[in-house]
Amino acid sequence: MQEKHLYEYAVIRLVPKVEREEFLNVGIIVFSKQGKYLKALFQVDEERLRVFCKDLDKDEICSNLDSFKKICEGSKNGGPIAQLDLPSRFRWLTAVRSSIIQTSRPHPGMTSDLDKTLQRLFTELVL
């Protein structure tokens, strides 16, 4: 029997006009301290983005979302935050902000397959 891991996840949201508090789900971050796991997936649907807010540049948004992946991976290109331990990186990524890219509050769960859970959450909450 596979061991179950406690995990936390947060939805990455695009909030074009922060004052309106309207958002578009564009990604997922999954973290498990026990599983030594921190990954992010994102996808920006250009058509949905254009309908939601025509003033945004998809390439610029994707570039900023790439920094989430670099921080999760601990990449040297991810800046000083990417060099922190996994829990600190997850907490930094999910800290409350009032910028155009935000995250939901973290939510907990249990799973025996973290990659499969990441894919499932991505499919259910983003696609």
C-alpha atoms as a PDB file:
ATOM      1  CA  MET A   1       0.000   0.000   0.000  1.00  0.00           C
ATOM      2  CA  GLN A   2       1.328   3.440  -0.928  1.00  0.00           C
ATOM      3  CA  GLU A   3       1.911   5.971   1.792  1.00  0.00           C
ATOM      4  CA  LYS A   4      -0.527   8.904   1.864  1.00  0.00           C
ATOM      5  CA  HIS A   5       0.909  12.416   1.940  1.00  0.00           C
ATOM      6  CA  LEU A   6      -0.620  15.490   3.473  1.00  0.00           C
ATOM      7  CA  TYR A   7      -0.534  18.216   0.832  1.00  0.00           C
ATOM      8  CA  GLU A   8      -1.663  21.790   0.378  1.00  0.00           C
ATOM      9  CA  TYR A   9      -2.706  23.440  -2.831  1.00  0.00           C
ATOM     10  CA  ALA A  10      -3.571  26.931  -3.987  1.00  0.00           C
ATOM     11  CA  VAL A  11      -5.166  28.172  -7.183  1.00  0.00           C
ATOM     12  CA  ILE A  12      -3.169  30.764  -9.147  1.00  0.00           C
ATOM     13  CA  ARG A  13      -5.511  33.532 -10.260  1.00  0.00           C
ATOM     14  CA  LEU A  14      -5.260  36.326 -12.763  1.00  0.00           C
ATOM     15  CA  VAL A  15      -6.919  39.465 -11.367  1.00  0.00           C
ATOM     16  CA  PRO A  16      -6.744  42.085 -14.149  1.00  0.00           C
ATOM     17  CA  LYS A  17      -8.550  44.823 -12.219  1.00  0.00           C
ATOM     18  CA  VAL A  18      -7.757  44.275  -8.568  1.00  0.00           C
ATOM     19  CA  GLU A  19     -10.388  46.780  -7.454  1.00  0.00           C
ATOM     20  CA  ARG A  20     -13.141  44.678  -9.108  1.00  0.00           C
ATOM     21  CA  GLU A  21     -11.952  41.423  -7.464  1.00  0.00           C
ATOM     22  CA  GLU A  22     -12.849  39.404 -10.578  1.00  0.00           C
ATOM     23  CA  PHE A  23     -10.449  36.620 -11.445  1.00  0.00           C
ATOM     24  CA  LEU A  24      -9.615  33.902 -13.916  1.00  0.00           C
ATOM     25  CA  ASN A  25      -8.059  30.662 -12.635  1.00  0.00           C
ATOM     26  CA  VAL A  26      -4.830  30.058 -14.562  1.00  0.00           C
ATOM     27  CA  GLY A  27      -2.813  27.599 -12.471  1.00  0.00           C
ATOM     28  CA  ILE A  28      -2.291  25.359  -9.448  1.00  0.00           C
ATOM     29  CA  ILE A  29       0.504  25.023  -6.880  1.00  0.00           C
ATOM     30  CA  VAL A  30       0.784  21.790  -4.861  1.00  0.00           C
ATOM     31  CA  PHE A  31       3.066  21.448  -1.830  1.00  0.00           C
ATOM     32  CA  SER A  32       3.846  18.522   0.456  1.00  0.00           C
ATOM     33  CA  LYS A  33       6.497  18.846   3.127  1.00  0.00           C
ATOM     34  CA  GLN A  34       6.460  15.099   3.836  1.00  0.00           C
ATOM     35  CA  GLY A  35       6.660  14.287   0.114  1.00  0.00           C
ATOM     36  CA  LYS A  36       9.345  16.967  -0.499  1.00  0.00           C
ATOM     37  CA  TYR A  37       7.128  18.239  -3.309  1.00  0.00           C
ATOM     38  CA  LEU A  38       6.446  21.699  -4.696  1.00  0.00           C
ATOM     39  CA  LYS A  39       5.162  22.087  -8.256  1.00  0.00           C
ATOM     40  CA  ALA A  40       3.121  24.589 -10.232  1.00  0.00           C
ATOM     41  CA  LEU A  41       1.189  24.174 -13.459  1.00  0.00           C
ATOM     42  CA  PHE A  42      -0.413  26.987 -15.398  1.00  0.00           C
ATOM     43  CA  GLN A  43      -2.138  27.658 -18.679  1.00  0.00           C
ATOM     44  CA  VAL A  44      -3.433  30.961 -19.991  1.00  0.00           C
ATOM     45  CA  ASP A  45      -6.239  30.524 -22.510  1.00  0.00           C
ATOM     46  CA  GLU A  46      -5.772  33.443 -24.904  1.00  0.00           C
ATOM     47  CA  GLU A  47      -9.424  33.586 -25.941  1.00  0.00           C
ATOM     48  CA  ARG A  48     -10.724  33.559 -22.350  1.00  0.00           C
ATOM     49  CA  LEU A  49      -8.129  36.188 -21.448  1.00  0.00           C
ATOM     50  CA  ARG A  50      -9.211  38.445 -24.324  1.00  0.00           C
ATOM     51  CA  VAL A  51     -12.882  38.140 -23.315  1.00  0.00           C
ATOM     52  CA  PHE A  52     -12.027  38.737 -19.668  1.00  0.00           C
ATOM     53  CA  CYS A  53      -9.689  41.694 -20.203  1.00  0.00           C
ATOM     54  CA  LYS A  54      -8.477  42.718 -23.649  1.00  0.00           C
ATOM     55  CA  ASP A  55      -5.720  45.018 -22.303  1.00  0.00           C
ATOM     56  CA  LEU A  56      -3.459  42.271 -20.952  1.00  0.00           C
ATOM     57  CA  ASP A  57      -0.396  40.895 -22.721  1.00  0.00           C
ATOM     58  CA  LYS A  58      -0.431  37.071 -22.604  1.00  0.00           C
ATOM     59  CA  ASP A  59       3.360  36.832 -23.061  1.00  0.00           C
ATOM     60  CA  GLU A  60       4.007  39.134 -20.112  1.00  0.00           C
ATOM     61  CA  ILE A  61       1.572  37.192 -17.923  1.00  0.00           C
ATOM     62  CA  CYS A  62       3.183  33.872 -18.902  1.00  0.00           C
ATOM     63  CA  SER A  63       6.624  35.291 -18.143  1.00  0.00           C
ATOM     64  CA  ASN A  64       5.461  36.221 -14.648  1.00  0.00           C
ATOM     65  CA  LEU A  65       3.817  32.821 -14.181  1.00  0.00           C
ATOM     66  CA  ASP A  66       7.090  31.157 -15.223  1.00  0.00           C
ATOM     67  CA  SER A  67       8.653  32.694 -12.126  1.00  0.00           C
ATOM     68  CA  PHE A  68       6.233  30.577 -10.025  1.00  0.00           C
ATOM     69  CA  LYS A  69       7.640  27.439 -11.687  1.00  0.00           C
ATOM     70  CA  LYS A  70      11.246  28.602 -11.216  1.00  0.00           C
ATOM     71  CA  ILE A  71      10.636  29.281  -7.524  1.00  0.00           C
ATOM     72  CA  CYS A  72       8.963  25.870  -7.082  1.00  0.00           C
ATOM     73  CA  GLU A  73      11.897  24.145  -8.794  1.00  0.00           C
ATOM     74  CA  GLY A  74      14.488  26.058  -6.754  1.00  0.00           C
ATOM     75  CA  SER A  75      16.045  27.321  -9.994  1.00  0.00           C
ATOM     76  CA  LYS A  76      18.968  29.753  -9.809  1.00  0.00           C
ATOM     77  CA  ASN A  77      16.954  31.912 -12.258  1.00  0.00           C
ATOM     78  CA  GLY A  78      14.164  32.090  -9.661  1.00  0.00           C
ATOM     79  CA  GLY A  79      15.944  34.700  -7.574  1.00  0.00           C
ATOM     80  CA  PRO A  80      16.628  34.595  -3.832  1.00  0.00           C
ATOM     81  CA  ILE A  81      13.177  33.214  -2.944  1.00  0.00           C
ATOM     82  CA  ALA A  82      13.920  30.092  -5.010  1.00  0.00           C
ATOM     83  CA  GLN A  83      16.844  29.332  -2.689  1.00  0.00           C
ATOM     84  CA  LEU A  84      14.626  29.033   0.419  1.00  0.00           C
ATOM     85  CA  ASP A  85      13.396  25.674   1.732  1.00  0.00           C
ATOM     86  CA  LEU A  86      10.196  24.197   0.243  1.00  0.00           C
ATOM     87  CA  PRO A  87       7.770  25.327   2.981  1.00  0.00           C
ATOM     88  CA  SER A  88       9.116  28.895   2.860  1.00  0.00           C
ATOM     89  CA  ARG A  89       8.801  28.999  -0.941  1.00  0.00           C
ATOM     90  CA  PHE A  90       5.203  27.774  -0.796  1.00  0.00           C
ATOM     91  CA  ARG A  91       4.309  30.285   1.917  1.00  0.00           C
ATOM     92  CA  TRP A  92       5.913  33.108  -0.076  1.00  0.00           C
ATOM     93  CA  LEU A  93       4.089  32.109  -3.274  1.00  0.00           C
ATOM     94  CA  THR A  94       0.724  31.930  -1.488  1.00  0.00           C
ATOM     95  CA  ALA A  95       1.105  35.097   0.600  1.00  0.00           C
ATOM     96  CA  VAL A  96      -1.758  37.566   0.234  1.00  0.00           C
ATOM     97  CA  ARG A  97      -1.012  40.232  -2.382  1.00  0.00           C
ATOM     98  CA  SER A  98      -2.930  42.839  -4.273  1.00  0.00           C
ATOM     99  CA  SER A  99      -1.291  42.360  -7.640  1.00  0.00           C
ATOM    100  CA  ILE A 100      -2.648  41.081 -10.932  1.00  0.00           C
ATOM    101  CA  ILE A 101      -1.370  37.532 -10.189  1.00  0.00           C
ATOM    102  CA  GLN A 102      -2.640  36.190  -6.868  1.00  0.00           C
ATOM    103  CA  THR A 103      -3.339  32.832  -5.235  1.00  0.00           C
ATOM    104  CA  SER A 104      -6.258  31.455  -3.308  1.00  0.00           C
ATOM    105  CA  ARG A 105      -5.806  30.569   0.317  1.00  0.00           C
ATOM    106  CA  PRO A 106      -4.117  27.159   0.675  1.00  0.00           C
ATOM    107  CA  HIS A 107      -6.379  24.122   1.024  1.00  0.00           C
ATOM    108  CA  PRO A 108      -5.293  20.751   2.518  1.00  0.00           C
ATOM    109  CA  GLY A 109      -5.763  17.192   1.322  1.00  0.00           C
ATOM    110  CA  MET A 110      -4.348  13.673   1.475  1.00  0.00           C
ATOM    111  CA  THR A 111      -3.030  11.684  -1.481  1.00  0.00           C
ATOM    112  CA  SER A 112      -0.795   8.758  -2.336  1.00  0.00           C
ATOM    113  CA  ASP A 113       0.141  10.284  -5.735  1.00  0.00           C
ATOM    114  CA  LEU A 114       1.127  13.958  -5.698  1.00  0.00           C
ATOM    115  CA  ASP A 115       1.666  14.249  -9.475  1.00  0.00           C
ATOM    116  CA  LYS A 116      -1.741  12.743 -10.203  1.00  0.00           C
ATOM    117  CA  THR A 117      -3.335  15.076  -7.661  1.00  0.00           C
ATOM    118  CA  LEU A 118      -1.670  18.096  -9.274  1.00  0.00           C
ATOM    119  CA  GLN A 119      -3.063  17.054 -12.666  1.00  0.00           C
ATOM    120  CA  ARG A 120      -6.537  16.379 -11.249  1.00  0.00           C
ATOM    121  CA  LEU A 121      -6.726  19.751  -9.473  1.00  0.00           C
ATOM    122  CA  PHE A 122      -5.425  21.506 -12.589  1.00  0.00           C
ATOM    123  CA  THR A 123      -8.101  19.846 -14.739  1.00  0.00           C
ATOM    124  CA  GLU A 124     -10.922  20.498 -12.251  1.00  0.00           C
ATOM    125  CA  LEU A 125     -10.074  24.063 -11.244  1.00  0.00           C
ATOM    126  CA  VAL A 126      -8.278  25.615 -14.217  1.00  0.00           C
ATOM    127  CA  LEU A 127      -9.219  23.919 -17.503  1.00  0.00           C
END
